[in-house]
Protein backbone atom coordinates (compact mmCIF):
# COMPACT_ATOMS: atom_id res chain seq x y z
CA MET A 1 -16.78 -11.36 -10.62
CA GLU A 2 -15.42 -14.59 -12.01
CA ALA A 3 -12.66 -16.59 -10.32
CA THR A 4 -10.20 -15.82 -13.13
CA ASP A 5 -10.84 -12.10 -12.71
CA LEU A 6 -10.28 -12.36 -8.97
CA ILE A 7 -7.04 -14.28 -9.49
CA GLY A 8 -5.90 -11.71 -12.04
CA LEU A 9 -6.59 -8.87 -9.61
CA LEU A 10 -4.76 -10.65 -6.81
CA VAL A 11 -1.73 -11.13 -9.07
CA ILE A 12 -1.83 -7.49 -10.20
CA GLY A 13 -2.22 -6.28 -6.61
CA GLY A 14 0.66 -8.43 -5.37
CA ALA A 15 2.89 -7.43 -8.27
CA ALA A 16 2.09 -3.76 -7.72
CA GLY A 17 3.06 -4.10 -4.08
CA VAL A 18 6.36 -5.76 -4.90
CA VAL A 19 7.22 -3.24 -7.62
CA SER A 20 6.22 -0.35 -5.37
CA GLY A 21 8.48 -1.63 -2.62
CA LEU A 22 11.37 -2.14 -5.01
CA VAL A 23 11.31 1.06 -7.04
CA GLY A 24 8.67 3.32 -5.52
CA VAL A 25 6.14 3.02 -8.34
CA GLY A 26 3.89 0.30 -9.59
CA GLY A 27 0.48 0.86 -8.11
CA GLY A 28 -0.99 2.99 -10.86
CA VAL A 29 1.20 1.47 -13.54
CA LEU A 30 -0.14 -2.01 -12.81
CA PHE A 31 -3.51 -1.27 -11.20
CA VAL A 32 -5.00 0.59 -14.15
CA PRO A 33 -4.36 -2.10 -16.81
CA GLY A 34 -5.47 -4.78 -14.35
CA LEU A 35 -8.73 -3.00 -13.59
CA VAL A 36 -9.40 -2.47 -17.29
CA LEU A 37 -8.59 -6.08 -18.23
CA PHE A 38 -10.08 -8.00 -15.32
CA LEU A 39 -12.96 -5.82 -14.19
CA GLU A 40 -13.71 -4.24 -17.56
CA GLN A 41 -13.56 -0.74 -16.12
CA THR A 42 -13.20 2.20 -18.46
CA GLN A 43 -9.85 3.97 -18.51
CA VAL A 44 -11.18 6.84 -16.37
CA GLU A 45 -12.85 4.47 -13.87
CA ALA A 46 -9.64 2.47 -13.57
CA GLU A 47 -7.57 5.61 -13.04
CA ALA A 48 -9.92 6.86 -10.32
CA THR A 49 -10.01 3.44 -8.62
CA SER A 50 -6.21 3.22 -8.84
CA LEU A 51 -5.81 6.62 -7.17
CA PHE A 52 -7.78 5.31 -4.23
CA ALA A 53 -6.03 1.92 -4.12
CA VAL A 54 -2.55 3.39 -4.22
CA VAL A 55 -3.10 5.26 -0.94
CA GLY A 56 -2.62 2.07 1.06
CA VAL A 57 0.38 0.99 -0.99
CA ALA A 58 2.03 4.37 -0.54
CA ALA A 59 1.33 4.49 3.20
CA VAL A 60 2.76 1.03 3.88
CA GLY A 61 5.75 1.63 1.61
CA ALA A 62 6.55 4.99 3.20
CA TYR A 63 6.21 3.53 6.68
CA ARG A 64 8.54 0.62 5.90
CA GLN A 65 11.09 2.81 4.13
CA GLY A 66 10.94 5.23 7.05
CA GLY A 67 11.91 2.34 9.32
CA TYR A 68 15.06 1.93 7.24
CA GLY A 69 15.82 5.64 7.46
CA ASN A 70 15.15 6.26 3.77
CA LEU A 71 12.11 8.53 4.03
CA ARG A 72 12.78 12.22 3.38
CA LEU A 73 9.65 13.52 5.03
CA ARG A 74 10.08 17.22 4.14
CA ASP A 75 10.60 16.42 0.46
CA GLY A 76 7.64 14.05 0.48
CA LEU A 77 5.42 16.64 2.11
CA LEU A 78 6.45 19.29 -0.41
CA VAL A 79 5.70 17.02 -3.37
CA GLY A 80 2.53 15.82 -1.66
CA VAL A 81 1.25 19.34 -1.09
CA LEU A 82 1.89 20.41 -4.68
CA SER A 83 0.60 17.24 -6.38
CA PRO A 84 -3.12 17.81 -5.77
CA LEU A 85 -3.00 20.88 -8.00
CA GLY A 86 -1.93 18.68 -10.88
CA VAL A 87 -4.49 16.04 -9.97
CA VAL A 88 -7.30 18.60 -10.24
CA VAL A 89 -6.19 19.52 -13.76
CA GLY A 90 -5.57 15.88 -14.69
CA THR A 91 -8.99 14.68 -13.59
CA VAL A 92 -10.74 17.41 -15.56
CA VAL A 93 -8.75 16.51 -18.68
CA ALA A 94 -9.28 12.76 -18.13
CA ASN A 95 -13.03 13.20 -17.93
CA GLU A 96 -13.16 15.31 -21.08
CA ALA A 97 -10.66 13.45 -23.27
CA PRO A 98 -11.60 10.49 -25.47
CA GLU A 99 -10.80 7.16 -23.81
CA ARG A 100 -8.49 6.13 -26.66
CA ALA A 101 -6.39 9.26 -26.12
CA LEU A 102 -6.03 8.34 -22.43
CA GLN A 103 -4.97 4.81 -23.33
CA ILE A 104 -2.29 6.12 -25.68
CA LEU A 105 -1.14 8.68 -23.13
CA ARG A 106 -0.93 5.98 -20.45
CA SER A 107 1.27 3.80 -22.67
CA ALA A 108 3.62 6.66 -23.64
CA PRO A 109 5.96 6.30 -20.62
CA ALA A 110 6.43 2.58 -21.32
CA VAL A 111 7.13 3.23 -24.98
CA LEU A 112 9.59 5.99 -24.07
CA ARG A 113 11.31 3.75 -21.52
CA LEU A 114 11.64 0.91 -24.02
CA SER A 115 12.96 3.23 -26.71
CA LEU A 116 15.58 4.76 -24.39
CA GLY A 117 16.79 1.46 -22.94
CA ALA A 118 18.30 0.89 -19.53
CA PRO A 119 20.50 3.42 -17.73
CA GLY A 120 23.90 3.43 -19.37
CA ASP A 121 22.59 2.19 -22.72
CA ALA A 122 22.79 5.67 -24.23
CA GLN A 123 26.43 5.96 -23.26
CA ARG A 124 27.25 2.48 -24.59
CA ARG A 125 25.60 3.43 -27.88
CA GLY A 126 27.83 6.47 -28.09
CA GLY A 127 25.08 8.94 -27.28
CA SER A 128 24.14 10.75 -24.15
CA ILE A 129 20.72 11.37 -22.76
CA ARG A 130 21.03 13.70 -19.80
CA GLY A 131 20.65 11.83 -16.55
CA LEU A 132 20.23 8.33 -17.93
CA GLU A 133 23.91 7.48 -17.86
CA ARG A 134 23.95 8.38 -14.17
CA GLY A 135 20.77 6.43 -13.44
CA VAL A 136 19.00 9.58 -12.26
CA MET A 137 15.61 8.34 -13.42
CA PHE A 138 15.90 5.31 -11.17
CA ARG A 139 17.25 6.81 -7.94
CA PRO A 140 15.14 5.97 -4.90
């Protein structure tokens, strides 16, 4: 691993931690592109590595948020118990799908987010996209 790759990974890791602490996501969103760009992993390898790496980020974030009284443990457990079912399906699909399809699928949320704009933008434009004007997508 070259020094520039290591620096890139450190920046991605730090940024993912900050974003995760701020809005509750970031690990996978930043880890996967960083692993592909700096370590030349395939999309599937980066996704698998990211799933492992995000465990620590999630544990520290949940612990710290719990200290502030923000953790809703029952809700987290319910989502956590149901999520592995989706992961099983997702990993099968990821290993069978062409890498280019995975790259496009991974970029779809960012494209959607950019096309919708910030919360309240729909209302200012005279339209209404359910939930966006109330900031539902961005509630902690």
